[in-house]
N, C-alpha and C. Protein backbone atom coordinates (compact mmCIF):
# COMPACT_ATOMS: atom_id res chain seq x y z
N MET A 1 0.77 -1.27 -0.09
CA MET A 1 -0.16 0.18 -0.04
C MET A 1 0.67 1.29 0.05
N VAL A 2 1.65 1.04 0.48
CA VAL A 2 2.86 2.52 0.71
C VAL A 2 3.28 2.65 -0.63
N LYS A 3 4.17 1.46 -1.43
CA LYS A 3 4.29 1.86 -2.41
C LYS A 3 3.25 2.62 -3.64
N LEU A 4 2.01 2.22 -3.45
CA LEU A 4 1.08 3.01 -4.23
C LEU A 4 0.18 4.13 -4.32
N VAL A 5 0.43 4.66 -2.87
CA VAL A 5 0.09 5.74 -2.18
C VAL A 5 0.86 6.67 -1.74
N ILE A 6 2.00 6.42 -0.90
CA ILE A 6 3.03 7.25 -0.63
C ILE A 6 3.79 7.49 -1.41
N TYR A 7 4.30 6.55 -1.91
CA TYR A 7 5.45 6.66 -2.79
C TYR A 7 4.90 8.11 -4.09
N PRO A 8 3.69 7.48 -4.47
CA PRO A 8 3.17 8.66 -5.91
C PRO A 8 3.13 10.27 -5.15
N LEU A 9 2.98 10.16 -3.94
CA LEU A 9 2.34 11.46 -3.12
C LEU A 9 3.83 12.09 -2.87
N THR A 10 5.25 11.19 -2.35
CA THR A 10 6.40 12.02 -2.31
C THR A 10 6.85 12.48 -3.45
N VAL A 11 6.60 11.70 -4.60
CA VAL A 11 6.91 12.20 -6.05
C VAL A 11 6.70 13.29 -6.35
N TRP A 12 5.11 13.31 -6.38
CA TRP A 12 4.31 14.61 -6.48
C TRP A 12 4.65 15.92 -6.02
N CYS A 13 5.37 15.65 -4.32
CA CYS A 13 5.78 16.77 -3.64
C CYS A 13 7.34 17.35 -4.57
N LEU A 14 7.95 16.41 -4.37
CA LEU A 14 9.19 16.64 -5.06
C LEU A 14 9.37 17.10 -6.21
N LEU A 15 8.83 16.67 -7.16
CA LEU A 15 8.60 17.40 -8.65
C LEU A 15 7.75 18.74 -8.59
N ALA A 16 7.07 18.72 -8.14
CA ALA A 16 6.25 19.87 -8.18
C ALA A 16 6.96 20.72 -7.19
N TYR A 17 7.21 20.84 -6.13
CA TYR A 17 7.62 22.10 -5.03
C TYR A 17 9.15 22.09 -5.06
N VAL A 18 9.82 20.99 -5.13
CA VAL A 18 11.22 21.04 -4.76
C VAL A 18 11.77 21.12 -6.42
N LEU A 19 11.59 20.65 -7.36
CA LEU A 19 12.37 20.67 -8.63
C LEU A 19 11.44 21.52 -9.64
N ARG A 20 10.11 21.89 -9.02
CA ARG A 20 9.36 22.57 -9.78
C ARG A 20 9.10 22.61 -11.56
N LEU A 21 8.96 21.45 -11.69
CA LEU A 21 8.34 20.68 -13.04
C LEU A 21 7.38 21.28 -13.62
N GLU A 22 7.29 21.29 -15.03
CA GLU A 22 6.05 21.47 -15.75
C GLU A 22 5.04 20.16 -15.49
N PRO A 23 3.70 20.67 -15.77
CA PRO A 23 2.57 19.89 -15.12
C PRO A 23 2.84 18.20 -15.86
N PHE A 24 3.19 18.30 -17.34
CA PHE A 24 3.58 16.94 -18.04
C PHE A 24 4.40 16.19 -17.62
N TRP A 25 5.48 16.49 -16.71
CA TRP A 25 6.49 15.55 -16.45
C TRP A 25 6.34 15.17 -14.91
N ILE A 26 5.32 16.31 -14.24
CA ILE A 26 4.98 15.86 -13.05
C ILE A 26 3.95 14.71 -12.63
N GLY A 27 2.81 14.93 -14.10
CA GLY A 27 1.95 13.99 -13.99
C GLY A 27 2.69 12.35 -14.72
N THR A 28 3.69 12.69 -15.40
CA THR A 28 4.57 11.73 -15.74
C THR A 28 4.95 10.81 -15.06
N GLY A 29 5.57 11.52 -14.05
CA GLY A 29 6.39 11.28 -13.00
C GLY A 29 5.55 10.26 -12.00
N VAL A 30 4.53 11.12 -11.59
CA VAL A 30 3.35 10.14 -10.50
C VAL A 30 2.67 8.98 -10.98
N LEU A 31 2.60 9.01 -12.43
CA LEU A 31 1.89 7.77 -12.83
C LEU A 31 2.56 6.92 -12.74
N ILE A 32 3.73 6.81 -13.10
CA ILE A 32 5.01 5.91 -13.23
C ILE A 32 5.19 5.45 -11.68
N ALA A 33 5.39 6.73 -10.53
CA ALA A 33 5.57 6.06 -9.56
C ALA A 33 4.43 5.05 -8.95
N SER A 34 3.02 5.12 -9.35
CA SER A 34 2.10 4.57 -8.82
C SER A 34 1.48 3.04 -9.92
N LEU A 35 2.61 2.85 -10.40
CA LEU A 35 2.36 1.37 -11.11
C LEU A 35 2.79 0.13 -9.83
N PRO A 36 2.38 -1.14 -10.01
CA PRO A 36 2.69 -1.68 -8.96
C PRO A 36 4.36 -2.36 -9.09
N SER A 37 4.55 -3.27 -8.18
CA SER A 37 5.82 -3.67 -8.02
C SER A 37 5.93 -4.61 -9.29
N ALA A 38 7.29 -4.63 -9.62
CA ALA A 38 8.12 -5.30 -10.97
C ALA A 38 8.05 -6.62 -10.63
N GLY A 39 8.02 -7.37 -11.58
CA GLY A 39 8.57 -8.56 -11.54
C GLY A 39 9.79 -9.24 -10.95
N SER A 40 10.59 -8.05 -11.76
CA SER A 40 12.07 -8.40 -11.74
C SER A 40 12.29 -8.42 -10.07
N ASN A 41 11.67 -8.23 -9.15
CA ASN A 41 11.59 -8.21 -7.77
C ASN A 41 11.63 -9.65 -7.44
N TYR A 42 11.16 -10.37 -7.92
CA TYR A 42 10.82 -12.19 -7.81
C TYR A 42 12.07 -12.53 -7.97
N VAL A 43 12.60 -11.98 -9.35
CA VAL A 43 13.54 -12.82 -9.89
C VAL A 43 14.46 -12.15 -8.96
N LEU A 44 15.12 -11.49 -7.99
CA LEU A 44 16.06 -10.89 -7.34
C LEU A 44 15.82 -11.58 -6.25
N ALA A 45 14.61 -12.11 -5.48
CA ALA A 45 14.69 -12.78 -4.59
C ALA A 45 14.70 -13.99 -4.41
N GLN A 46 14.42 -14.77 -5.34
CA GLN A 46 14.80 -16.23 -5.83
C GLN A 46 16.39 -16.09 -6.21
N ARG A 47 17.49 -15.30 -6.84
CA ARG A 47 18.61 -14.97 -6.94
C ARG A 47 19.36 -15.02 -5.75
N TYR A 48 18.93 -14.42 -4.75
CA TYR A 48 19.79 -14.28 -3.44
C TYR A 48 19.24 -14.87 -2.38
N ALA A 49 18.28 -15.95 -2.62
CA ALA A 49 17.50 -16.72 -1.81
C ALA A 49 17.10 -16.13 -0.72
N ALA A 50 16.14 -15.12 -1.24
CA ALA A 50 15.22 -14.40 -0.37
C ALA A 50 14.09 -14.99 -0.05
N ASP A 51 12.73 -14.49 0.54
CA ASP A 51 11.66 -15.19 0.63
C ASP A 51 10.64 -14.96 -0.33
N SER A 52 10.90 -15.87 -1.62
CA SER A 52 10.30 -15.25 -2.80
C SER A 52 9.11 -15.49 -2.88
N GLU A 53 8.20 -16.48 -2.08
CA GLU A 53 6.98 -16.36 -1.97
C GLU A 53 6.18 -15.10 -1.28
N GLN A 54 7.01 -14.71 -0.68
CA GLN A 54 6.40 -13.43 0.13
C GLN A 54 6.36 -12.33 -1.04
N VAL A 55 7.94 -12.03 -1.70
CA VAL A 55 7.95 -11.23 -2.58
C VAL A 55 6.63 -11.17 -3.81
N SER A 56 6.44 -12.86 -4.04
CA SER A 56 5.52 -13.02 -5.30
C SER A 56 4.03 -12.64 -4.69
N ALA A 57 3.64 -12.37 -3.49
CA ALA A 57 2.62 -12.76 -3.10
C ALA A 57 2.07 -10.72 -2.91
N GLY A 58 3.49 -9.91 -2.61
CA GLY A 58 3.49 -8.61 -2.71
C GLY A 58 3.14 -8.14 -4.02
N ILE A 59 3.60 -8.73 -5.08
CA ILE A 59 3.65 -8.40 -6.36
C ILE A 59 2.01 -8.58 -6.68
N VAL A 60 1.52 -9.70 -6.70
CA VAL A 60 0.35 -9.81 -6.73
C VAL A 60 -0.60 -9.07 -6.30
N LEU A 61 -0.56 -8.60 -5.06
CA LEU A 61 -1.20 -7.76 -4.11
C LEU A 61 -1.10 -6.32 -4.42
N SER A 62 -0.02 -6.03 -4.64
CA SER A 62 -0.06 -4.57 -5.54
C SER A 62 -0.45 -4.39 -6.89
N THR A 63 -0.36 -5.53 -8.01
CA THR A 63 -1.27 -5.53 -9.04
C THR A 63 -2.36 -5.24 -8.93
N ILE A 64 -3.04 -6.16 -7.86
CA ILE A 64 -4.70 -5.99 -7.86
C ILE A 64 -5.05 -4.85 -7.42
N VAL A 65 -4.41 -4.08 -6.50
CA VAL A 65 -4.58 -2.60 -6.05
C VAL A 65 -4.45 -1.79 -6.67
N SER A 66 -3.65 -2.01 -7.58
CA SER A 66 -3.11 -1.09 -8.92
C SER A 66 -4.09 -0.58 -9.47
N VAL A 67 -5.08 -1.88 -9.62
CA VAL A 67 -6.06 -1.87 -10.95
C VAL A 67 -7.47 -0.44 -10.45
N VAL A 68 -7.10 -0.12 -9.40
CA VAL A 68 -7.68 0.75 -8.56
C VAL A 68 -7.00 2.41 -8.64
N THR A 69 -5.97 2.14 -7.86
CA THR A 69 -5.21 3.39 -7.97
C THR A 69 -4.54 4.01 -8.98
N VAL A 70 -4.20 3.24 -9.68
CA VAL A 70 -3.39 3.94 -11.07
C VAL A 70 -4.55 4.61 -12.43
N PRO A 71 -5.64 4.03 -12.35
CA PRO A 71 -6.97 5.13 -13.13
C PRO A 71 -7.03 6.23 -12.35
N TRP A 72 -7.22 6.26 -10.72
CA TRP A 72 -7.21 7.11 -10.06
C TRP A 72 -6.47 8.50 -10.24
N VAL A 73 -5.14 8.05 -10.00
CA VAL A 73 -3.83 8.56 -10.24
C VAL A 73 -3.91 9.43 -11.72
N GLY A 74 -4.25 8.87 -12.54
CA GLY A 74 -4.33 9.47 -13.68
C GLY A 74 -5.48 10.26 -13.96
N TRP A 75 -6.68 9.86 -13.39
CA TRP A 75 -7.90 10.84 -13.04
C TRP A 75 -7.36 11.93 -12.57
N LEU A 76 -6.46 12.28 -11.51
CA LEU A 76 -6.36 13.41 -10.70
C LEU A 76 -4.91 13.96 -11.46
N MET A 77 -4.21 13.49 -12.40
CA MET A 77 -3.40 14.01 -13.07
C MET A 77 -4.13 14.96 -14.21
N ALA A 78 -5.18 14.52 -14.75
CA ALA A 78 -5.75 14.86 -15.80
C ALA A 78 -6.65 16.50 -15.69
N ARG A 79 -6.64 16.32 -14.33
CA ARG A 79 -7.59 17.34 -13.80
C ARG A 79 -6.69 18.70 -13.76
């Protein structure tokens, strides 16, 4: 949940208030930040003998939650 809510908010604050970028770049950065966790995390977890089952569950959960959060962030950025 942190990845899908707090991270995009942090990116928005940094791009808008610290870097003072144009709205197009702010929207693009926030949309990218709101995407779910990548499958490469699972590959790295397997490679380094981490808990790959827990990583896989996190990826599935973030993908399910992103079905709601990504369109919502897109709508917010389009306003």
